[in-house]
Amino acid sequence: MIGYLKGTLVAKRPPWLTLEVGGVGYELEAPMSTFYRLPDVGRELTLVTHLVVREDAHSLYGFLSEAERALFRSLLKVSGVGAKIGLGVLSGMSVEGFCRSVREKDLASLTKIPGVGRKTAERLVLEMADRLPEPSASGLRQNGGGAKGEAQEALLALGYKPAEVQQLLKDLDDERLTTEQLIREALKRVHAR
């Protein structure tokens, strides 16, 4: 798995961009939310990535934030939603806006996203409701990241639900513990149940 790429931005033609890393040009597809914030061509750039391997293609997707990649990965788990709709969601609204639309069951906002009709919007609301971080549980949005935010994202990526993650990390001192220590302590709590 390719977790991230750090290199020089050599081309950007939405939805594609090319990042040169160690003499190799990686073509990535990215949502418009990432394109809006890209530096000029020739500048250094780091993107978190998601690789999709199919029989007919290997597709690499790039995101400027971990929150975008986490939402993209969650969207891919929804039946009938593929990478195209996932990129459409991230191109059409912010991560926070999507979470708010799902929590409020705002189908009108979701159907404004290209490729999302009423049935897909209903499915997104139904299947994404328990996968969204709690408004206060999102360390990346509340404290800019930090060890606890990184630990939350890691546990979510392992398949734990947001409410479980919040419980597993409850009362752990993120001032003294590293991300790895927080994850280790949270996993000890899982096995102690």
N, C-alpha and C. Protein backbone atom coordinates (compact mmCIF):
# COMPACT_ATOMS: atom_id res chain seq x y z
N MET A 1 0.85 -1.18 0.00
CA MET A 1 0.00 0.00 0.00
C MET A 1 0.89 1.23 0.00
N ILE A 2 0.50 2.24 -0.72
CA ILE A 2 1.21 3.50 -0.75
C ILE A 2 0.46 4.46 0.16
N GLY A 3 1.05 4.82 1.29
CA GLY A 3 0.37 5.66 2.28
C GLY A 3 0.41 7.14 1.94
N TYR A 4 1.54 7.60 1.43
CA TYR A 4 1.64 9.00 1.02
C TYR A 4 2.77 9.14 0.02
N LEU A 5 2.76 10.24 -0.70
CA LEU A 5 3.83 10.57 -1.64
C LEU A 5 4.29 12.00 -1.37
N LYS A 6 5.59 12.19 -1.39
CA LYS A 6 6.16 13.53 -1.21
C LYS A 6 7.10 13.77 -2.38
N GLY A 7 6.83 14.81 -3.15
CA GLY A 7 7.66 15.09 -4.31
C GLY A 7 7.32 16.43 -4.92
N THR A 8 7.66 16.56 -6.19
CA THR A 8 7.45 17.81 -6.91
C THR A 8 6.22 17.70 -7.81
N LEU A 9 5.34 18.66 -7.71
CA LEU A 9 4.16 18.70 -8.57
C LEU A 9 4.61 19.10 -9.97
N VAL A 10 4.42 18.21 -10.95
CA VAL A 10 4.88 18.51 -12.31
C VAL A 10 3.75 18.79 -13.29
N ALA A 11 2.52 18.40 -12.95
CA ALA A 11 1.38 18.68 -13.82
C ALA A 11 0.09 18.62 -13.02
N LYS A 12 -0.85 19.48 -13.39
CA LYS A 12 -2.18 19.40 -12.78
C LYS A 12 -3.24 19.74 -13.82
N ARG A 13 -4.03 18.72 -14.15
CA ARG A 13 -5.12 18.84 -15.10
C ARG A 13 -6.30 18.09 -14.48
N PRO A 14 -7.17 18.82 -13.77
CA PRO A 14 -8.27 18.17 -13.04
C PRO A 14 -8.99 17.13 -13.88
N PRO A 15 -9.24 15.95 -13.35
CA PRO A 15 -8.98 15.51 -11.98
C PRO A 15 -7.61 14.86 -11.78
N TRP A 16 -6.71 14.99 -12.76
CA TRP A 16 -5.42 14.32 -12.67
C TRP A 16 -4.31 15.28 -12.28
N LEU A 17 -3.34 14.73 -11.55
CA LEU A 17 -2.11 15.47 -11.28
C LEU A 17 -0.96 14.49 -11.34
N THR A 18 0.23 15.00 -11.60
CA THR A 18 1.42 14.15 -11.65
C THR A 18 2.40 14.67 -10.62
N LEU A 19 2.89 13.76 -9.79
CA LEU A 19 3.84 14.07 -8.74
C LEU A 19 5.11 13.28 -9.00
N GLU A 20 6.23 13.97 -9.14
CA GLU A 20 7.50 13.29 -9.36
C GLU A 20 8.15 13.00 -8.01
N VAL A 21 8.39 11.72 -7.78
CA VAL A 21 9.00 11.27 -6.53
C VAL A 21 10.21 10.40 -6.89
N GLY A 22 11.39 10.88 -6.60
CA GLY A 22 12.60 10.10 -6.87
C GLY A 22 12.77 9.73 -8.33
N GLY A 23 12.40 10.62 -9.22
CA GLY A 23 12.56 10.35 -10.65
C GLY A 23 11.43 9.57 -11.28
N VAL A 24 10.39 9.24 -10.50
CA VAL A 24 9.23 8.50 -11.02
C VAL A 24 8.02 9.43 -10.96
N GLY A 25 7.30 9.53 -12.07
CA GLY A 25 6.10 10.36 -12.11
C GLY A 25 4.86 9.55 -11.77
N TYR A 26 4.22 9.87 -10.65
CA TYR A 26 3.00 9.18 -10.24
C TYR A 26 1.79 9.99 -10.69
N GLU A 27 0.89 9.34 -11.44
CA GLU A 27 -0.36 9.98 -11.82
C GLU A 27 -1.39 9.66 -10.75
N LEU A 28 -1.99 10.70 -10.24
CA LEU A 28 -3.00 10.54 -9.20
C LEU A 28 -4.28 11.24 -9.62
N GLU A 29 -5.39 10.69 -9.20
CA GLU A 29 -6.66 11.37 -9.39
C GLU A 29 -7.02 11.98 -8.04
N ALA A 30 -7.52 13.21 -8.07
CA ALA A 30 -7.79 13.91 -6.81
C ALA A 30 -9.11 14.67 -6.92
N PRO A 31 -9.77 14.88 -5.77
CA PRO A 31 -11.01 15.67 -5.77
C PRO A 31 -10.68 17.15 -5.93
N MET A 32 -11.68 17.92 -6.31
CA MET A 32 -11.47 19.36 -6.49
C MET A 32 -11.09 20.04 -5.17
N SER A 33 -11.52 19.48 -4.04
CA SER A 33 -11.13 20.06 -2.75
C SER A 33 -9.62 20.07 -2.58
N THR A 34 -8.94 19.10 -3.17
CA THR A 34 -7.48 19.06 -3.15
C THR A 34 -6.92 20.01 -4.22
N PHE A 35 -7.51 20.00 -5.40
CA PHE A 35 -7.01 20.86 -6.48
C PHE A 35 -7.04 22.33 -6.11
N TYR A 36 -8.08 22.76 -5.40
CA TYR A 36 -8.19 24.17 -5.03
C TYR A 36 -7.01 24.62 -4.17
N ARG A 37 -6.41 23.69 -3.46
CA ARG A 37 -5.34 24.06 -2.52
C ARG A 37 -3.95 23.63 -2.96
N LEU A 38 -3.81 23.16 -4.20
CA LEU A 38 -2.50 22.73 -4.69
C LEU A 38 -1.56 23.92 -4.89
N PRO A 39 -0.27 23.71 -4.65
CA PRO A 39 0.70 24.77 -4.94
C PRO A 39 0.92 24.87 -6.46
N ASP A 40 1.72 25.82 -6.87
CA ASP A 40 2.06 25.96 -8.28
C ASP A 40 2.90 24.76 -8.75
N VAL A 41 2.84 24.48 -10.05
CA VAL A 41 3.67 23.44 -10.64
C VAL A 41 5.13 23.79 -10.34
N GLY A 42 5.91 22.75 -10.01
CA GLY A 42 7.31 22.95 -9.67
C GLY A 42 7.57 23.03 -8.17
N ARG A 43 6.51 23.12 -7.38
CA ARG A 43 6.64 23.20 -5.93
C ARG A 43 6.56 21.81 -5.31
N GLU A 44 7.12 21.67 -4.10
CA GLU A 44 7.06 20.40 -3.38
C GLU A 44 5.67 20.21 -2.77
N LEU A 45 5.25 18.95 -2.70
CA LEU A 45 3.90 18.62 -2.26
C LEU A 45 3.90 17.25 -1.59
N THR A 46 3.11 17.10 -0.54
CA THR A 46 2.89 15.80 0.09
C THR A 46 1.40 15.50 0.03
N LEU A 47 1.06 14.33 -0.46
CA LEU A 47 -0.34 13.89 -0.52
C LEU A 47 -0.48 12.54 0.17
N VAL A 48 -1.55 12.38 0.96
CA VAL A 48 -1.89 11.05 1.46
C VAL A 48 -2.63 10.36 0.31
N THR A 49 -2.48 9.06 0.20
CA THR A 49 -2.99 8.37 -0.97
C THR A 49 -3.84 7.15 -0.64
N HIS A 50 -4.58 6.72 -1.63
CA HIS A 50 -5.35 5.49 -1.54
C HIS A 50 -5.19 4.77 -2.88
N LEU A 51 -4.77 3.52 -2.84
CA LEU A 51 -4.55 2.73 -4.04
C LEU A 51 -5.69 1.73 -4.21
N VAL A 52 -6.29 1.73 -5.40
CA VAL A 52 -7.34 0.77 -5.72
C VAL A 52 -6.78 -0.15 -6.81
N VAL A 53 -6.78 -1.46 -6.54
CA VAL A 53 -6.27 -2.44 -7.49
C VAL A 53 -7.44 -3.25 -8.02
N ARG A 54 -7.59 -3.19 -9.34
CA ARG A 54 -8.61 -3.99 -10.01
C ARG A 54 -7.93 -4.83 -11.08
N GLU A 55 -8.66 -5.74 -11.68
CA GLU A 55 -8.08 -6.57 -12.74
C GLU A 55 -7.55 -5.74 -13.90
N ASP A 56 -8.28 -4.68 -14.24
CA ASP A 56 -7.94 -3.91 -15.43
C ASP A 56 -7.14 -2.63 -15.15
N ALA A 57 -6.94 -2.28 -13.86
CA ALA A 57 -6.23 -1.02 -13.58
C ALA A 57 -5.77 -0.93 -12.13
N HIS A 58 -4.73 -0.15 -11.93
CA HIS A 58 -4.30 0.27 -10.60
C HIS A 58 -4.54 1.77 -10.56
N SER A 59 -5.39 2.23 -9.69
CA SER A 59 -5.71 3.66 -9.61
C SER A 59 -5.23 4.22 -8.29
N LEU A 60 -4.52 5.34 -8.37
CA LEU A 60 -3.97 5.99 -7.19
C LEU A 60 -4.70 7.32 -7.00
N TYR A 61 -5.23 7.53 -5.79
CA TYR A 61 -5.99 8.73 -5.47
C TYR A 61 -5.20 9.52 -4.44
N GLY A 62 -5.17 10.84 -4.60
CA GLY A 62 -4.40 11.69 -3.70
C GLY A 62 -5.27 12.73 -3.00
N PHE A 63 -4.92 13.00 -1.73
CA PHE A 63 -5.69 13.94 -0.91
C PHE A 63 -4.73 14.78 -0.08
N LEU A 64 -5.08 16.04 0.13
CA LEU A 64 -4.24 16.91 0.95
C LEU A 64 -4.43 16.66 2.44
N SER A 65 -5.59 16.11 2.84
CA SER A 65 -5.81 15.89 4.27
C SER A 65 -6.20 14.44 4.55
N GLU A 66 -5.87 14.01 5.74
CA GLU A 66 -6.24 12.66 6.18
C GLU A 66 -7.76 12.54 6.30
N ALA A 67 -8.41 13.63 6.68
CA ALA A 67 -9.87 13.60 6.82
C ALA A 67 -10.54 13.30 5.47
N GLU A 68 -10.02 13.88 4.38
CA GLU A 68 -10.57 13.61 3.05
C GLU A 68 -10.37 12.15 2.67
N ARG A 69 -9.16 11.63 2.91
CA ARG A 69 -8.91 10.23 2.57
C ARG A 69 -9.79 9.30 3.39
N ALA A 70 -9.94 9.59 4.68
CA ALA A 70 -10.78 8.74 5.55
C ALA A 70 -12.22 8.72 5.05
N LEU A 71 -12.75 9.88 4.66
CA LEU A 71 -14.12 9.92 4.14
C LEU A 71 -14.20 9.16 2.82
N PHE A 72 -13.22 9.34 1.94
CA PHE A 72 -13.20 8.63 0.66
C PHE A 72 -13.24 7.12 0.90
N ARG A 73 -12.42 6.64 1.83
CA ARG A 73 -12.39 5.20 2.12
C ARG A 73 -13.72 4.72 2.68
N SER A 74 -14.35 5.52 3.52
CA SER A 74 -15.66 5.14 4.06
C SER A 74 -16.70 5.09 2.96
N LEU A 75 -16.64 6.05 2.06
CA LEU A 75 -17.61 6.08 0.95
C LEU A 75 -17.49 4.85 0.06
N LEU A 76 -16.27 4.36 -0.14
CA LEU A 76 -16.07 3.19 -0.98
C LEU A 76 -16.73 1.94 -0.40
N LYS A 77 -17.01 1.95 0.90
CA LYS A 77 -17.64 0.80 1.54
C LYS A 77 -19.16 0.82 1.40
N VAL A 78 -19.72 1.92 0.90
CA VAL A 78 -21.16 2.02 0.71
C VAL A 78 -21.53 1.33 -0.59
N SER A 79 -22.54 0.46 -0.54
CA SER A 79 -22.93 -0.28 -1.74
C SER A 79 -23.39 0.68 -2.83
N GLY A 80 -22.88 0.45 -4.03
CA GLY A 80 -23.25 1.28 -5.17
C GLY A 80 -22.45 2.57 -5.30
N VAL A 81 -21.52 2.81 -4.37
CA VAL A 81 -20.69 4.01 -4.43
C VAL A 81 -19.27 3.59 -4.76
N GLY A 82 -18.75 4.13 -5.82
CA GLY A 82 -17.38 3.83 -6.22
C GLY A 82 -16.51 5.07 -6.10
N ALA A 83 -15.33 4.96 -6.66
CA ALA A 83 -14.36 6.05 -6.58
C ALA A 83 -14.88 7.33 -7.25
N LYS A 84 -15.60 7.18 -8.36
CA LYS A 84 -16.09 8.35 -9.07
C LYS A 84 -17.04 9.17 -8.19
N ILE A 85 -17.97 8.51 -7.55
CA ILE A 85 -18.90 9.22 -6.66
C ILE A 85 -18.15 9.73 -5.42
N GLY A 86 -17.20 8.94 -4.91
CA GLY A 86 -16.40 9.39 -3.77
C GLY A 86 -15.68 10.69 -4.06
N LEU A 87 -15.06 10.77 -5.24
CA LEU A 87 -14.40 12.01 -5.64
C LEU A 87 -15.41 13.12 -5.85
N GLY A 88 -16.58 12.78 -6.37
CA GLY A 88 -17.64 13.77 -6.57
C GLY A 88 -18.10 14.37 -5.26
N VAL A 89 -18.25 13.54 -4.24
CA VAL A 89 -18.65 14.03 -2.91
C VAL A 89 -17.62 15.03 -2.40
N LEU A 90 -16.34 14.65 -2.47
CA LEU A 90 -15.28 15.52 -1.96
C LEU A 90 -15.08 16.76 -2.83
N SER A 91 -15.48 16.68 -4.09
CA SER A 91 -15.39 17.84 -4.97
C SER A 91 -16.57 18.79 -4.75
N GLY A 92 -17.70 18.22 -4.31
CA GLY A 92 -18.92 19.01 -4.17
C GLY A 92 -19.14 19.63 -2.82
N MET A 93 -18.48 19.12 -1.79
CA MET A 93 -18.66 19.69 -0.45
C MET A 93 -17.49 19.30 0.44
N SER A 94 -17.34 20.04 1.53
CA SER A 94 -16.26 19.75 2.48
C SER A 94 -16.60 18.49 3.27
N VAL A 95 -15.60 17.95 3.94
CA VAL A 95 -15.82 16.78 4.81
C VAL A 95 -16.86 17.14 5.87
N GLU A 96 -16.69 18.32 6.48
CA GLU A 96 -17.63 18.74 7.52
C GLU A 96 -19.03 18.92 6.96
N GLY A 97 -19.14 19.49 5.74
CA GLY A 97 -20.44 19.68 5.11
C GLY A 97 -21.13 18.35 4.82
N PHE A 98 -20.36 17.37 4.35
CA PHE A 98 -20.92 16.05 4.09
C PHE A 98 -21.42 15.42 5.38
N CYS A 99 -20.59 15.47 6.42
CA CYS A 99 -20.98 14.89 7.72
C CYS A 99 -22.26 15.54 8.23
N ARG A 100 -22.34 16.85 8.11
CA ARG A 100 -23.53 17.58 8.57
C ARG A 100 -24.75 17.15 7.74
N SER A 101 -24.59 17.02 6.42
CA SER A 101 -25.71 16.61 5.57
C SER A 101 -26.22 15.23 5.93
N VAL A 102 -25.30 14.31 6.23
CA VAL A 102 -25.70 12.96 6.61
C VAL A 102 -26.40 12.98 7.97
N ARG A 103 -25.82 13.67 8.94
CA ARG A 103 -26.43 13.73 10.28
C ARG A 103 -27.83 14.34 10.24
N GLU A 104 -27.99 15.38 9.41
CA GLU A 104 -29.28 16.08 9.32
C GLU A 104 -30.21 15.46 8.29
N LYS A 105 -29.74 14.37 7.65
CA LYS A 105 -30.52 13.69 6.61
C LYS A 105 -30.96 14.67 5.52
N ASP A 106 -30.04 15.54 5.13
CA ASP A 106 -30.30 16.58 4.14
C ASP A 106 -30.09 16.02 2.73
N LEU A 107 -31.11 15.34 2.22
CA LEU A 107 -31.02 14.71 0.90
C LEU A 107 -30.88 15.75 -0.20
N ALA A 108 -31.47 16.92 -0.03
CA ALA A 108 -31.39 17.96 -1.05
C ALA A 108 -29.94 18.36 -1.31
N SER A 109 -29.16 18.52 -0.26
CA SER A 109 -27.74 18.89 -0.43
C SER A 109 -26.97 17.76 -1.10
N LEU A 110 -27.24 16.53 -0.69
CA LEU A 110 -26.51 15.39 -1.24
C LEU A 110 -26.83 15.16 -2.71
N THR A 111 -28.08 15.41 -3.12
CA THR A 111 -28.43 15.18 -4.52
C THR A 111 -27.89 16.26 -5.45
N LYS A 112 -27.32 17.32 -4.91
CA LYS A 112 -26.67 18.34 -5.73
C LYS A 112 -25.29 17.88 -6.22
N ILE A 113 -24.77 16.81 -5.61
CA ILE A 113 -23.47 16.27 -5.99
C ILE A 113 -23.64 15.50 -7.30
N PRO A 114 -22.79 15.76 -8.31
CA PRO A 114 -22.90 15.03 -9.57
C PRO A 114 -22.81 13.52 -9.36
N GLY A 115 -23.75 12.79 -9.96
CA GLY A 115 -23.76 11.34 -9.86
C GLY A 115 -24.54 10.80 -8.68
N VAL A 116 -25.02 11.69 -7.81
CA VAL A 116 -25.78 11.26 -6.63
C VAL A 116 -27.25 11.60 -6.83
N GLY A 117 -28.05 10.56 -7.06
CA GLY A 117 -29.50 10.74 -7.17
C GLY A 117 -30.14 10.50 -5.80
N ARG A 118 -31.44 10.53 -5.79
CA ARG A 118 -32.17 10.40 -4.52
C ARG A 118 -31.88 9.05 -3.83
N LYS A 119 -31.87 7.95 -4.59
CA LYS A 119 -31.65 6.64 -3.98
C LYS A 119 -30.23 6.54 -3.40
N THR A 120 -29.26 7.06 -4.14
CA THR A 120 -27.88 7.04 -3.64
C THR A 120 -27.76 7.91 -2.40
N ALA A 121 -28.40 9.07 -2.40
CA ALA A 121 -28.37 9.96 -1.24
C ALA A 121 -28.98 9.27 -0.02
N GLU A 122 -30.10 8.57 -0.22
CA GLU A 122 -30.74 7.84 0.88
C GLU A 122 -29.80 6.75 1.41
N ARG A 123 -29.12 6.06 0.49
CA ARG A 123 -28.18 5.01 0.89
C ARG A 123 -27.00 5.60 1.67
N LEU A 124 -26.51 6.77 1.21
CA LEU A 124 -25.41 7.43 1.92
C LEU A 124 -25.83 7.79 3.35
N VAL A 125 -27.01 8.36 3.50
CA VAL A 125 -27.49 8.73 4.83
C VAL A 125 -27.62 7.49 5.72
N LEU A 126 -28.17 6.43 5.16
CA LEU A 126 -28.38 5.21 5.93
C LEU A 126 -27.06 4.53 6.31
N GLU A 127 -26.18 4.32 5.33
CA GLU A 127 -24.96 3.55 5.58
C GLU A 127 -23.83 4.35 6.19
N MET A 128 -23.83 5.67 6.02
CA MET A 128 -22.73 6.48 6.56
C MET A 128 -23.01 7.00 7.98
N ALA A 129 -24.26 6.92 8.42
CA ALA A 129 -24.62 7.50 9.71
C ALA A 129 -23.75 7.00 10.86
N ASP A 130 -23.45 5.69 10.89
CA ASP A 130 -22.66 5.16 12.01
C ASP A 130 -21.16 5.17 11.72
N ARG A 131 -20.75 5.68 10.57
CA ARG A 131 -19.32 5.74 10.23
C ARG A 131 -18.73 7.13 10.40
N LEU A 132 -19.58 8.11 10.68
CA LEU A 132 -19.10 9.47 10.80
C LEU A 132 -18.52 9.72 12.19
N PRO A 133 -17.47 10.53 12.27
CA PRO A 133 -16.96 10.89 13.58
C PRO A 133 -17.96 11.80 14.29
N GLU A 134 -18.02 11.68 15.60
CA GLU A 134 -18.86 12.59 16.37
C GLU A 134 -18.29 13.99 16.22
N PRO A 135 -19.11 15.03 16.24
CA PRO A 135 -18.58 16.38 16.08
C PRO A 135 -17.47 16.69 17.07
N SER A 136 -17.58 16.21 18.30
CA SER A 136 -16.55 16.49 19.30
C SER A 136 -15.44 15.44 19.29
N ALA A 137 -15.65 14.35 18.53
CA ALA A 137 -14.66 13.26 18.54
C ALA A 137 -13.60 13.43 17.48
N SER A 138 -13.78 14.37 16.59
CA SER A 138 -12.82 14.50 15.50
C SER A 138 -11.62 15.32 15.90
N GLY A 139 -10.59 14.64 16.34
CA GLY A 139 -9.39 15.33 16.78
C GLY A 139 -8.75 16.14 15.68
N LEU A 140 -8.85 15.70 14.44
CA LEU A 140 -8.22 16.43 13.35
C LEU A 140 -8.86 17.79 13.16
N ARG A 141 -10.18 17.88 13.37
CA ARG A 141 -10.82 19.16 13.17
C ARG A 141 -10.76 20.03 14.43
N GLN A 142 -10.75 19.39 15.57
CA GLN A 142 -10.80 20.16 16.82
C GLN A 142 -9.44 20.67 17.25
N ASN A 143 -8.41 19.82 17.18
CA ASN A 143 -7.12 20.26 17.70
C ASN A 143 -6.01 20.24 16.64
N GLY A 144 -6.41 20.21 15.39
CA GLY A 144 -5.42 20.29 14.32
C GLY A 144 -4.61 19.02 14.15
N GLY A 145 -5.01 17.94 14.76
CA GLY A 145 -4.27 16.70 14.62
C GLY A 145 -3.77 16.23 15.97
N GLY A 146 -2.46 16.26 16.16
CA GLY A 146 -1.90 15.81 17.42
C GLY A 146 -1.97 14.30 17.52
N ALA A 147 -1.39 13.80 18.60
CA ALA A 147 -1.31 12.36 18.80
C ALA A 147 -2.70 11.73 18.89
N LYS A 148 -3.61 12.37 19.62
CA LYS A 148 -4.94 11.79 19.79
C LYS A 148 -5.71 11.78 18.46
N GLY A 149 -5.60 12.84 17.69
CA GLY A 149 -6.26 12.90 16.38
C GLY A 149 -5.73 11.83 15.45
N GLU A 150 -4.42 11.64 15.44
CA GLU A 150 -3.81 10.61 14.60
C GLU A 150 -4.23 9.21 15.06
N ALA A 151 -4.30 9.01 16.37
CA ALA A 151 -4.73 7.72 16.91
C ALA A 151 -6.19 7.45 16.53
N GLN A 152 -7.03 8.49 16.60
CA GLN A 152 -8.44 8.32 16.21
C GLN A 152 -8.54 7.89 14.75
N GLU A 153 -7.81 8.57 13.88
CA GLU A 153 -7.85 8.23 12.45
C GLU A 153 -7.36 6.80 12.21
N ALA A 154 -6.32 6.39 12.92
CA ALA A 154 -5.78 5.04 12.77
C ALA A 154 -6.81 3.99 13.20
N LEU A 155 -7.47 4.23 14.32
CA LEU A 155 -8.46 3.28 14.81
C LEU A 155 -9.68 3.23 13.89
N LEU A 156 -10.07 4.39 13.34
CA LEU A 156 -11.17 4.41 12.37
C LEU A 156 -10.78 3.61 11.14
N ALA A 157 -9.53 3.75 10.70
CA ALA A 157 -9.06 3.01 9.53
C ALA A 157 -9.03 1.51 9.78
N LEU A 158 -8.85 1.12 11.05
CA LEU A 158 -8.86 -0.30 11.40
C LEU A 158 -10.28 -0.88 11.45
N GLY A 159 -11.29 0.00 11.30
CA GLY A 159 -12.67 -0.48 11.24
C GLY A 159 -13.50 -0.25 12.49
N TYR A 160 -12.93 0.40 13.50
CA TYR A 160 -13.71 0.71 14.69
C TYR A 160 -14.66 1.86 14.38
N LYS A 161 -15.84 1.82 14.98
CA LYS A 161 -16.82 2.87 14.76
C LYS A 161 -16.42 4.11 15.59
N PRO A 162 -16.83 5.31 15.14
CA PRO A 162 -16.45 6.54 15.84
C PRO A 162 -16.77 6.52 17.34
N ALA A 163 -17.94 6.00 17.71
CA ALA A 163 -18.29 5.95 19.13
C ALA A 163 -17.35 5.02 19.91
N GLU A 164 -16.96 3.89 19.28
CA GLU A 164 -16.01 2.98 19.92
C GLU A 164 -14.65 3.64 20.10
N VAL A 165 -14.22 4.36 19.07
CA VAL A 165 -12.92 5.04 19.12
C VAL A 165 -12.90 6.06 20.25
N GLN A 166 -13.97 6.82 20.35
CA GLN A 166 -14.06 7.83 21.41
C GLN A 166 -13.96 7.15 22.78
N GLN A 167 -14.63 6.02 22.94
CA GLN A 167 -14.60 5.28 24.21
C GLN A 167 -13.22 4.70 24.47
N LEU A 168 -12.58 4.15 23.45
CA LEU A 168 -11.26 3.54 23.61
C LEU A 168 -10.19 4.55 24.01
N LEU A 169 -10.32 5.77 23.52
CA LEU A 169 -9.32 6.81 23.81
C LEU A 169 -9.70 7.70 24.98
N LYS A 170 -10.88 7.45 25.55
CA LYS A 170 -11.36 8.27 26.66
C LYS A 170 -10.38 8.22 27.84
N ASP A 171 -10.10 9.36 28.39
CA ASP A 171 -9.24 9.52 29.58
C ASP A 171 -7.76 9.22 29.35
N LEU A 172 -7.35 8.97 28.11
CA LEU A 172 -5.92 8.76 27.87
C LEU A 172 -5.26 10.13 27.71
N ASP A 173 -4.13 10.31 28.32
CA ASP A 173 -3.44 11.60 28.32
C ASP A 173 -2.63 11.77 27.05
N ASP A 174 -3.20 12.51 26.10
CA ASP A 174 -2.51 12.68 24.82
C ASP A 174 -1.38 13.71 24.91
N GLU A 175 -1.23 14.36 26.04
CA GLU A 175 -0.11 15.29 26.23
C GLU A 175 1.19 14.52 26.44
N ARG A 176 1.11 13.38 27.12
CA ARG A 176 2.31 12.62 27.46
C ARG A 176 2.57 11.44 26.54
N LEU A 177 1.53 10.93 25.87
CA LEU A 177 1.66 9.73 25.07
C LEU A 177 1.81 10.04 23.58
N THR A 178 2.61 9.23 22.88
CA THR A 178 2.75 9.37 21.43
C THR A 178 1.54 8.70 20.76
N THR A 179 1.41 8.90 19.47
CA THR A 179 0.33 8.27 18.71
C THR A 179 0.37 6.75 18.88
N GLU A 180 1.57 6.17 18.75
CA GLU A 180 1.71 4.72 18.86
C GLU A 180 1.30 4.23 20.25
N GLN A 181 1.69 4.97 21.28
CA GLN A 181 1.33 4.58 22.65
C GLN A 181 -0.18 4.66 22.86
N LEU A 182 -0.81 5.70 22.30
CA LEU A 182 -2.26 5.83 22.42
C LEU A 182 -2.98 4.66 21.74
N ILE A 183 -2.51 4.30 20.55
CA ILE A 183 -3.13 3.17 19.83
C ILE A 183 -2.94 1.88 20.62
N ARG A 184 -1.73 1.68 21.12
CA ARG A 184 -1.44 0.47 21.90
C ARG A 184 -2.36 0.38 23.12
N GLU A 185 -2.50 1.51 23.84
CA GLU A 185 -3.37 1.53 25.03
C GLU A 185 -4.83 1.27 24.65
N ALA A 186 -5.27 1.86 23.54
CA ALA A 186 -6.66 1.65 23.11
C ALA A 186 -6.90 0.19 22.75
N LEU A 187 -5.94 -0.43 22.05
CA LEU A 187 -6.09 -1.84 21.67
C LEU A 187 -6.04 -2.76 22.88
N LYS A 188 -5.27 -2.38 23.91
CA LYS A 188 -5.27 -3.16 25.16
C LYS A 188 -6.67 -3.15 25.77
N ARG A 189 -7.35 -2.00 25.67
CA ARG A 189 -8.72 -1.91 26.21
C ARG A 189 -9.67 -2.82 25.45
N VAL A 190 -9.45 -2.98 24.14
CA VAL A 190 -10.30 -3.88 23.34
C VAL A 190 -10.14 -5.31 23.84
N HIS A 191 -8.88 -5.72 24.07
CA HIS A 191 -8.63 -7.09 24.49
C HIS A 191 -9.01 -7.34 25.94
N ALA A 192 -9.15 -6.28 26.73
CA ALA A 192 -9.52 -6.43 28.14
C ALA A 192 -11.03 -6.60 28.31
N ARG A 193 -11.78 -6.33 27.25
CA ARG A 193 -13.25 -6.42 27.35
C ARG A 193 -13.73 -7.83 27.57
